[in-house]
Amino acid sequence: MPGEQPSEKALRIIARKTLVEFWTKHSDAEEPLKAWFHEARLADWSSPDELKQRYPSASIINRNRMVFNIKGNKYRLIAAVNYPYKLLYIRFIGTHAEYDAVDASTI
C-alpha cells in the first residue's frame, strides 16, 4: 500500500543503494526492484520456509542465503537474511551471465 510503513517486526534491508545503482544502469529493472524492495521491507519472515511460501521461485542456497528472480527471471538478486535480527543484506544483483560468474553461497 502507498505510504505503508514497516512494523517493528519488518525486515531492515541493507543496502538499497545497490538496487538504485543497478536500476540506473538497467532501467527495465527499476519497477520490479522497487516492488520487491517494498514487499521485502514489510515482510516478517522468520525462516527460509516462510520466505519460500511468498516467493516459490526463490532458490534457497543455504539457511540464510536466497536467490530471487527479478523481472521474470531476467535478473538475479542474492540476499543474506538474518531471520532472528530481521536483517536482509543485498549481496548481489545482476544479469544471468553476471550471476553465473559468482558463487552465490559466498558472495
Protein backbone atom coordinates (compact mmCIF):
# COMPACT_ATOMS: atom_id res chain seq x y z
CA MET A 1 0.00 0.00 0.00
CA PRO A 2 1.30 3.50 -0.76
CA GLY A 3 2.76 5.12 2.32
CA GLU A 4 2.63 1.86 4.24
CA GLN A 5 5.24 1.80 6.97
CA PRO A 6 7.12 -1.28 8.10
CA SER A 7 6.27 -2.66 11.50
CA GLU A 8 8.91 -3.27 14.14
CA LYS A 9 8.86 -6.91 13.00
CA ALA A 10 9.64 -5.92 9.40
CA LEU A 11 12.97 -6.56 7.74
CA ARG A 12 15.65 -3.93 7.67
CA ILE A 13 17.27 -4.04 4.24
CA ILE A 14 20.96 -3.25 3.79
CA ALA A 15 21.75 -1.61 1.19
CA ARG A 16 19.05 -0.17 -1.03
CA LYS A 17 21.80 1.84 -2.75
CA THR A 18 22.90 -1.37 -4.51
CA LEU A 19 19.47 -1.62 -6.12
CA VAL A 20 19.42 2.04 -7.13
CA GLU A 21 22.85 1.74 -8.75
CA PHE A 22 21.68 -1.34 -10.65
CA TRP A 23 18.44 0.14 -11.99
CA THR A 24 20.31 3.27 -13.02
CA LYS A 25 22.19 1.03 -15.48
CA HIS A 26 19.25 -1.30 -16.22
CA SER A 27 16.17 0.92 -16.28
CA ASP A 28 13.83 -2.00 -17.01
CA ALA A 29 14.68 -3.37 -13.56
CA GLU A 30 13.61 -0.25 -11.66
CA GLU A 31 9.92 -1.02 -11.12
CA PRO A 32 10.41 -4.74 -10.36
CA LEU A 33 13.19 -3.91 -7.86
CA LYS A 34 11.13 -1.18 -6.22
CA ALA A 35 8.22 -3.61 -5.88
CA TRP A 36 10.49 -6.33 -4.44
CA PHE A 37 12.08 -3.85 -2.00
CA HIS A 38 8.72 -2.54 -0.80
CA GLU A 39 7.36 -6.02 -0.22
CA ALA A 40 10.54 -7.33 1.42
CA ARG A 41 10.84 -4.43 3.85
CA LEU A 42 7.30 -5.09 5.10
CA ALA A 43 7.91 -8.83 5.46
CA ASP A 44 8.10 -10.67 8.75
CA TRP A 45 9.83 -13.85 7.60
CA SER A 46 11.18 -15.97 10.42
CA SER A 47 12.59 -18.80 8.28
CA PRO A 48 13.54 -19.69 4.70
CA ASP A 49 10.34 -21.75 4.52
CA GLU A 50 8.19 -18.68 5.20
CA LEU A 51 10.10 -16.70 2.60
CA LYS A 52 9.69 -19.54 0.10
CA GLN A 53 5.91 -19.54 0.66
CA ARG A 54 5.79 -15.97 -0.66
CA TYR A 55 8.47 -16.44 -3.34
CA PRO A 56 8.16 -20.03 -4.59
CA SER A 57 10.64 -19.38 -7.41
CA ALA A 58 13.33 -18.15 -4.99
CA SER A 59 16.22 -20.54 -4.50
CA ILE A 60 17.48 -21.41 -1.05
CA ILE A 61 21.29 -21.57 -1.26
CA ASN A 62 21.75 -22.28 2.44
CA ARG A 63 19.78 -21.47 5.58
CA ASN A 64 20.30 -17.74 5.21
CA ARG A 65 21.18 -17.16 1.54
CA MET A 66 18.42 -16.72 -1.05
CA VAL A 67 18.34 -16.01 -4.78
CA PHE A 68 15.36 -14.06 -6.09
CA ASN A 69 14.30 -13.89 -9.72
CA ILE A 70 13.69 -10.29 -10.78
CA LYS A 71 11.75 -9.13 -13.84
CA GLY A 72 10.59 -12.53 -14.99
CA ASN A 73 13.96 -14.12 -14.19
CA LYS A 74 15.92 -11.65 -16.35
CA TYR A 75 17.94 -10.59 -13.31
CA ARG A 76 19.07 -12.34 -10.13
CA LEU A 77 19.26 -10.88 -6.65
CA ILE A 78 21.23 -12.66 -3.92
CA ALA A 79 20.36 -11.77 -0.35
CA ALA A 80 21.60 -12.96 3.00
CA VAL A 81 18.87 -12.99 5.63
CA ASN A 82 19.40 -12.87 9.38
CA TYR A 83 15.96 -14.02 10.50
CA PRO A 84 16.33 -13.52 14.28
CA TYR A 85 17.51 -9.91 13.83
CA LYS A 86 15.17 -9.15 10.90
CA LEU A 87 18.01 -8.04 8.61
CA LEU A 88 18.33 -8.65 4.88
CA TYR A 89 21.65 -7.91 3.22
CA ILE A 90 21.64 -7.40 -0.53
CA ARG A 91 24.78 -9.22 -1.60
CA PHE A 92 24.43 -9.11 -5.41
CA ILE A 93 22.13 -8.02 -8.23
CA GLY A 94 22.96 -8.79 -11.82
CA THR A 95 22.15 -10.40 -15.13
CA HIS A 96 22.19 -14.16 -15.53
CA ALA A 97 25.66 -14.01 -17.07
CA GLU A 98 26.94 -11.97 -14.12
CA TYR A 99 25.20 -14.33 -11.69
CA ASP A 100 26.83 -17.35 -13.35
CA ALA A 101 30.24 -15.78 -12.66
CA VAL A 102 29.77 -15.56 -8.87
CA ASP A 103 29.45 -18.08 -6.06
CA ALA A 104 26.00 -17.38 -4.61
CA SER A 105 26.88 -19.15 -1.37
CA THR A 106 29.79 -16.85 -0.53
CA ILE A 107 29.31 -13.51 -2.27
